[in-house]
Amino acid sequence: MKYRPGNPDIKLLADQLSVLGNANRLTILEHLTHGEMQVNVLAKKLDLGQSALSQHLAIMRACDFVTTRRASQAIFYSIQKEPIALALARAHALLVDQQYEPDITRHGAEAVSRG
């Protein structure tokens, strides 16, 4: 894949990353990496209202990040694609778990601000 601004793959990737750029959605996906979960349970774990949670889930369904299963009156959500769970784990390991030396962090921030 060539990294050009007009490349449709880049546009799709940017759209998908913007969906993942929301803390509530990342938290939802983090919970779903442990297995399927009923929507009511998700709402309680996240302390989100049903309406807000439904909006986040609809956005992720539109990207095929999550899927639903209905059992009687209950709706269960799960991660649709295993690569999503893998990408989350890798991003977490790269960006959150990794410990930086103070000098590396300072120089890295300077390089980003100049970049």
N, C-alpha and C. Protein backbone atom coordinates (compact mmCIF):
# COMPACT_ATOMS: atom_id res chain seq x y z
N MET A 1 0.85 -1.17 0.00
CA MET A 1 0.00 0.00 0.00
C MET A 1 0.89 1.23 0.00
N LYS A 2 0.62 2.15 -0.92
CA LYS A 2 1.37 3.40 -0.99
C LYS A 2 0.68 4.43 -0.12
N TYR A 3 1.46 5.17 0.63
CA TYR A 3 0.92 6.14 1.57
C TYR A 3 0.79 7.51 0.91
N ARG A 4 -0.31 7.68 0.19
CA ARG A 4 -0.63 8.96 -0.44
C ARG A 4 -1.95 9.44 0.16
N PRO A 5 -2.11 10.75 0.34
CA PRO A 5 -3.36 11.26 0.93
C PRO A 5 -4.61 10.84 0.17
N GLY A 6 -4.55 10.70 -1.14
CA GLY A 6 -5.73 10.33 -1.93
C GLY A 6 -6.01 8.84 -1.98
N ASN A 7 -5.13 8.03 -1.44
CA ASN A 7 -5.27 6.58 -1.47
C ASN A 7 -6.49 6.18 -0.64
N PRO A 8 -7.46 5.44 -1.24
CA PRO A 8 -8.65 5.06 -0.49
C PRO A 8 -8.35 4.19 0.73
N ASP A 9 -7.27 3.40 0.68
CA ASP A 9 -6.90 2.59 1.85
C ASP A 9 -6.48 3.49 3.02
N ILE A 10 -5.80 4.59 2.69
CA ILE A 10 -5.38 5.53 3.73
C ILE A 10 -6.60 6.21 4.33
N LYS A 11 -7.56 6.58 3.49
CA LYS A 11 -8.80 7.20 3.97
C LYS A 11 -9.54 6.25 4.91
N LEU A 12 -9.65 4.99 4.50
CA LEU A 12 -10.32 3.98 5.34
C LEU A 12 -9.58 3.83 6.67
N LEU A 13 -8.25 3.74 6.63
CA LEU A 13 -7.47 3.60 7.85
C LEU A 13 -7.66 4.82 8.75
N ALA A 14 -7.65 6.01 8.18
CA ALA A 14 -7.86 7.23 8.97
C ALA A 14 -9.23 7.23 9.62
N ASP A 15 -10.24 6.81 8.88
CA ASP A 15 -11.60 6.75 9.43
C ASP A 15 -11.67 5.75 10.58
N GLN A 16 -11.05 4.59 10.40
CA GLN A 16 -11.08 3.57 11.44
C GLN A 16 -10.30 4.02 12.67
N LEU A 17 -9.17 4.67 12.46
CA LEU A 17 -8.40 5.16 13.61
C LEU A 17 -9.15 6.27 14.34
N SER A 18 -9.92 7.07 13.62
CA SER A 18 -10.70 8.11 14.30
C SER A 18 -11.79 7.48 15.16
N VAL A 19 -12.35 6.36 14.72
CA VAL A 19 -13.32 5.64 15.55
C VAL A 19 -12.65 5.15 16.83
N LEU A 20 -11.41 4.70 16.70
CA LEU A 20 -10.68 4.20 17.87
C LEU A 20 -10.11 5.32 18.72
N GLY A 21 -10.21 6.55 18.25
CA GLY A 21 -9.67 7.69 18.97
C GLY A 21 -10.60 8.22 20.06
N ASN A 22 -11.55 7.42 20.48
CA ASN A 22 -12.50 7.82 21.51
C ASN A 22 -12.30 6.91 22.72
N ALA A 23 -12.10 7.51 23.88
CA ALA A 23 -11.81 6.73 25.09
C ALA A 23 -12.92 5.76 25.44
N ASN A 24 -14.18 6.17 25.28
CA ASN A 24 -15.28 5.26 25.58
C ASN A 24 -15.28 4.05 24.66
N ARG A 25 -15.02 4.28 23.38
CA ARG A 25 -15.01 3.15 22.43
C ARG A 25 -13.85 2.22 22.71
N LEU A 26 -12.70 2.78 23.04
CA LEU A 26 -11.56 1.92 23.38
C LEU A 26 -11.86 1.10 24.63
N THR A 27 -12.52 1.71 25.59
CA THR A 27 -12.88 0.99 26.82
C THR A 27 -13.87 -0.13 26.51
N ILE A 28 -14.84 0.15 25.65
CA ILE A 28 -15.80 -0.88 25.24
C ILE A 28 -15.05 -2.05 24.60
N LEU A 29 -14.17 -1.74 23.66
CA LEU A 29 -13.42 -2.80 22.98
C LEU A 29 -12.53 -3.56 23.96
N GLU A 30 -11.95 -2.85 24.90
CA GLU A 30 -11.11 -3.51 25.92
C GLU A 30 -11.94 -4.54 26.71
N HIS A 31 -13.14 -4.16 27.09
CA HIS A 31 -14.01 -5.10 27.80
C HIS A 31 -14.37 -6.28 26.91
N LEU A 32 -14.60 -6.02 25.64
CA LEU A 32 -15.01 -7.09 24.73
C LEU A 32 -13.87 -8.03 24.35
N THR A 33 -12.62 -7.62 24.60
CA THR A 33 -11.52 -8.54 24.32
C THR A 33 -11.56 -9.74 25.25
N HIS A 34 -12.29 -9.61 26.36
CA HIS A 34 -12.41 -10.72 27.31
C HIS A 34 -13.60 -11.63 26.99
N GLY A 35 -14.33 -11.29 25.95
CA GLY A 35 -15.46 -12.13 25.54
C GLY A 35 -16.72 -11.31 25.35
N GLU A 36 -17.70 -11.96 24.83
CA GLU A 36 -18.99 -11.34 24.54
C GLU A 36 -19.62 -10.79 25.82
N MET A 37 -20.33 -9.69 25.68
CA MET A 37 -20.91 -9.05 26.85
C MET A 37 -22.29 -8.48 26.51
N GLN A 38 -23.20 -8.62 27.44
CA GLN A 38 -24.54 -8.08 27.28
C GLN A 38 -24.49 -6.55 27.38
N VAL A 39 -25.30 -5.89 26.59
CA VAL A 39 -25.27 -4.44 26.52
C VAL A 39 -25.54 -3.79 27.88
N ASN A 40 -26.42 -4.35 28.68
CA ASN A 40 -26.71 -3.80 30.00
C ASN A 40 -25.48 -3.88 30.91
N VAL A 41 -24.74 -4.97 30.81
CA VAL A 41 -23.53 -5.14 31.61
C VAL A 41 -22.47 -4.13 31.19
N LEU A 42 -22.33 -3.94 29.88
CA LEU A 42 -21.39 -2.94 29.38
C LEU A 42 -21.74 -1.55 29.91
N ALA A 43 -23.01 -1.20 29.87
CA ALA A 43 -23.45 0.11 30.34
C ALA A 43 -23.07 0.32 31.81
N LYS A 44 -23.25 -0.70 32.62
CA LYS A 44 -22.91 -0.58 34.04
C LYS A 44 -21.40 -0.47 34.24
N LYS A 45 -20.63 -1.28 33.52
CA LYS A 45 -19.18 -1.24 33.67
C LYS A 45 -18.61 0.10 33.25
N LEU A 46 -19.22 0.72 32.24
CA LEU A 46 -18.70 1.99 31.72
C LEU A 46 -19.34 3.20 32.37
N ASP A 47 -20.38 2.98 33.14
CA ASP A 47 -21.13 4.09 33.74
C ASP A 47 -21.60 5.05 32.65
N LEU A 48 -22.13 4.47 31.56
CA LEU A 48 -22.67 5.24 30.45
C LEU A 48 -24.17 4.99 30.36
N GLY A 49 -24.87 5.99 29.93
CA GLY A 49 -26.30 5.82 29.68
C GLY A 49 -26.52 4.92 28.48
N GLN A 50 -27.69 4.34 28.41
CA GLN A 50 -28.02 3.41 27.32
C GLN A 50 -27.92 4.10 25.96
N SER A 51 -28.36 5.34 25.88
CA SER A 51 -28.34 6.08 24.61
C SER A 51 -26.91 6.32 24.13
N ALA A 52 -26.05 6.81 25.03
CA ALA A 52 -24.66 7.07 24.66
C ALA A 52 -23.95 5.78 24.26
N LEU A 53 -24.17 4.72 25.01
CA LEU A 53 -23.55 3.44 24.70
C LEU A 53 -24.02 2.94 23.34
N SER A 54 -25.31 3.05 23.08
CA SER A 54 -25.86 2.61 21.79
C SER A 54 -25.24 3.37 20.63
N GLN A 55 -25.00 4.66 20.81
CA GLN A 55 -24.36 5.44 19.75
C GLN A 55 -22.94 4.96 19.49
N HIS A 56 -22.18 4.72 20.55
CA HIS A 56 -20.82 4.22 20.38
C HIS A 56 -20.81 2.85 19.70
N LEU A 57 -21.70 1.99 20.13
CA LEU A 57 -21.77 0.64 19.54
C LEU A 57 -22.19 0.70 18.08
N ALA A 58 -23.10 1.60 17.73
CA ALA A 58 -23.54 1.74 16.33
C ALA A 58 -22.37 2.19 15.45
N ILE A 59 -21.57 3.10 15.94
CA ILE A 59 -20.40 3.56 15.18
C ILE A 59 -19.43 2.40 14.96
N MET A 60 -19.22 1.60 15.99
CA MET A 60 -18.29 0.47 15.85
C MET A 60 -18.88 -0.65 15.00
N ARG A 61 -20.19 -0.81 15.03
CA ARG A 61 -20.83 -1.80 14.14
C ARG A 61 -20.67 -1.38 12.69
N ALA A 62 -20.77 -0.07 12.41
CA ALA A 62 -20.64 0.43 11.05
C ALA A 62 -19.25 0.15 10.47
N CYS A 63 -18.25 0.07 11.33
CA CYS A 63 -16.88 -0.25 10.91
C CYS A 63 -16.58 -1.74 10.99
N ASP A 64 -17.57 -2.53 11.35
CA ASP A 64 -17.39 -3.97 11.53
C ASP A 64 -16.40 -4.31 12.64
N PHE A 65 -16.29 -3.43 13.64
CA PHE A 65 -15.43 -3.72 14.79
C PHE A 65 -16.13 -4.63 15.77
N VAL A 66 -17.45 -4.51 15.88
CA VAL A 66 -18.22 -5.34 16.80
C VAL A 66 -19.40 -5.96 16.07
N THR A 67 -19.90 -7.02 16.65
CA THR A 67 -21.06 -7.71 16.11
C THR A 67 -22.03 -7.98 17.26
N THR A 68 -23.28 -8.24 16.90
CA THR A 68 -24.31 -8.50 17.91
C THR A 68 -24.87 -9.90 17.78
N ARG A 69 -25.40 -10.35 18.91
CA ARG A 69 -26.13 -11.61 18.94
C ARG A 69 -27.31 -11.39 19.88
N ARG A 70 -28.48 -11.75 19.40
CA ARG A 70 -29.68 -11.60 20.22
C ARG A 70 -30.06 -12.95 20.81
N ALA A 71 -30.34 -12.93 22.11
CA ALA A 71 -30.84 -14.11 22.81
C ALA A 71 -32.07 -13.66 23.59
N SER A 72 -33.23 -13.97 23.04
CA SER A 72 -34.49 -13.53 23.63
C SER A 72 -34.51 -12.01 23.65
N GLN A 73 -34.62 -11.38 24.80
CA GLN A 73 -34.65 -9.91 24.89
C GLN A 73 -33.25 -9.30 25.02
N ALA A 74 -32.26 -10.11 25.29
CA ALA A 74 -30.90 -9.62 25.54
C ALA A 74 -30.11 -9.49 24.25
N ILE A 75 -29.30 -8.44 24.18
CA ILE A 75 -28.39 -8.25 23.05
C ILE A 75 -26.97 -8.34 23.58
N PHE A 76 -26.18 -9.19 22.94
CA PHE A 76 -24.79 -9.39 23.32
C PHE A 76 -23.88 -8.82 22.24
N TYR A 77 -22.79 -8.22 22.66
CA TYR A 77 -21.79 -7.67 21.73
C TYR A 77 -20.49 -8.43 21.87
N SER A 78 -19.78 -8.53 20.76
CA SER A 78 -18.45 -9.13 20.77
C SER A 78 -17.62 -8.45 19.69
N ILE A 79 -16.31 -8.64 19.79
CA ILE A 79 -15.42 -8.09 18.76
C ILE A 79 -15.61 -8.91 17.50
N GLN A 80 -15.82 -8.20 16.39
CA GLN A 80 -16.11 -8.84 15.11
C GLN A 80 -14.86 -9.48 14.51
N LYS A 81 -13.76 -8.79 14.57
CA LYS A 81 -12.56 -9.26 13.89
C LYS A 81 -11.43 -9.44 14.89
N GLU A 82 -10.82 -10.58 14.86
CA GLU A 82 -9.68 -10.85 15.75
C GLU A 82 -8.56 -9.84 15.55
N PRO A 83 -8.29 -9.37 14.33
CA PRO A 83 -7.23 -8.36 14.18
C PRO A 83 -7.47 -7.09 14.99
N ILE A 84 -8.72 -6.75 15.26
CA ILE A 84 -9.00 -5.57 16.08
C ILE A 84 -8.47 -5.80 17.49
N ALA A 85 -8.75 -6.95 18.05
CA ALA A 85 -8.25 -7.27 19.40
C ALA A 85 -6.72 -7.29 19.41
N LEU A 86 -6.12 -7.83 18.37
CA LEU A 86 -4.66 -7.89 18.28
C LEU A 86 -4.08 -6.48 18.15
N ALA A 87 -4.70 -5.63 17.32
CA ALA A 87 -4.23 -4.26 17.16
C ALA A 87 -4.32 -3.49 18.47
N LEU A 88 -5.40 -3.69 19.21
CA LEU A 88 -5.54 -3.03 20.51
C LEU A 88 -4.44 -3.47 21.47
N ALA A 89 -4.17 -4.76 21.49
CA ALA A 89 -3.13 -5.28 22.39
C ALA A 89 -1.76 -4.72 22.00
N ARG A 90 -1.48 -4.65 20.70
CA ARG A 90 -0.18 -4.12 20.25
C ARG A 90 -0.07 -2.63 20.55
N ALA A 91 -1.14 -1.88 20.30
CA ALA A 91 -1.12 -0.44 20.58
C ALA A 91 -0.92 -0.20 22.07
N HIS A 92 -1.58 -0.98 22.89
CA HIS A 92 -1.45 -0.85 24.33
C HIS A 92 -0.01 -1.13 24.75
N ALA A 93 0.57 -2.19 24.21
CA ALA A 93 1.94 -2.54 24.55
C ALA A 93 2.92 -1.46 24.08
N LEU A 94 2.68 -0.92 22.92
CA LEU A 94 3.58 0.08 22.35
C LEU A 94 3.45 1.42 23.05
N LEU A 95 2.23 1.85 23.30
CA LEU A 95 2.01 3.22 23.77
C LEU A 95 1.79 3.35 25.27
N VAL A 96 1.31 2.33 25.93
CA VAL A 96 0.98 2.45 27.34
C VAL A 96 1.97 1.69 28.22
N ASP A 97 2.25 0.46 27.88
CA ASP A 97 3.08 -0.39 28.73
C ASP A 97 4.56 -0.04 28.67
N GLN A 98 4.99 0.51 27.55
CA GLN A 98 6.41 0.77 27.35
C GLN A 98 6.88 1.91 28.25
N GLN A 99 7.96 1.68 28.95
CA GLN A 99 8.54 2.70 29.83
C GLN A 99 9.65 3.41 29.07
N TYR A 100 9.66 4.74 29.14
CA TYR A 100 10.67 5.53 28.45
C TYR A 100 11.61 6.17 29.46
N GLU A 101 12.84 6.34 29.05
CA GLU A 101 13.79 7.12 29.83
C GLU A 101 13.41 8.58 29.67
N PRO A 102 13.58 9.39 30.71
CA PRO A 102 13.20 10.81 30.63
C PRO A 102 13.83 11.53 29.45
N ASP A 103 15.12 11.30 29.16
CA ASP A 103 15.77 11.99 28.04
C ASP A 103 15.16 11.59 26.71
N ILE A 104 14.82 10.32 26.56
CA ILE A 104 14.22 9.84 25.31
C ILE A 104 12.86 10.50 25.13
N THR A 105 12.08 10.59 26.17
CA THR A 105 10.76 11.21 26.08
C THR A 105 10.90 12.67 25.70
N ARG A 106 11.82 13.38 26.33
CA ARG A 106 11.99 14.80 26.05
C ARG A 106 12.41 15.00 24.60
N HIS A 107 13.39 14.24 24.12
CA HIS A 107 13.85 14.39 22.75
C HIS A 107 12.78 13.96 21.76
N GLY A 108 12.04 12.92 22.12
CA GLY A 108 10.95 12.47 21.25
C GLY A 108 9.89 13.53 21.09
N ALA A 109 9.54 14.21 22.17
CA ALA A 109 8.54 15.28 22.11
C ALA A 109 9.04 16.45 21.29
N GLU A 110 10.35 16.78 21.42
CA GLU A 110 10.91 17.86 20.62
C GLU A 110 10.89 17.51 19.15
N ALA A 111 11.21 16.26 18.83
CA ALA A 111 11.22 15.83 17.42
C ALA A 111 9.81 15.90 16.84
N VAL A 112 8.82 15.51 17.61
CA VAL A 112 7.43 15.55 17.13
C VAL A 112 6.99 16.99 16.91
N SER A 113 7.34 17.90 17.85
CA SER A 113 6.91 19.28 17.71
C SER A 113 7.58 19.97 16.54
N ARG A 114 8.80 19.54 16.18
CA ARG A 114 9.48 20.11 15.01
C ARG A 114 8.98 19.51 13.72
N GLY A 115 8.51 18.23 13.80
CA GLY A 115 8.15 17.43 12.65
C GLY A 115 7.05 18.00 11.90
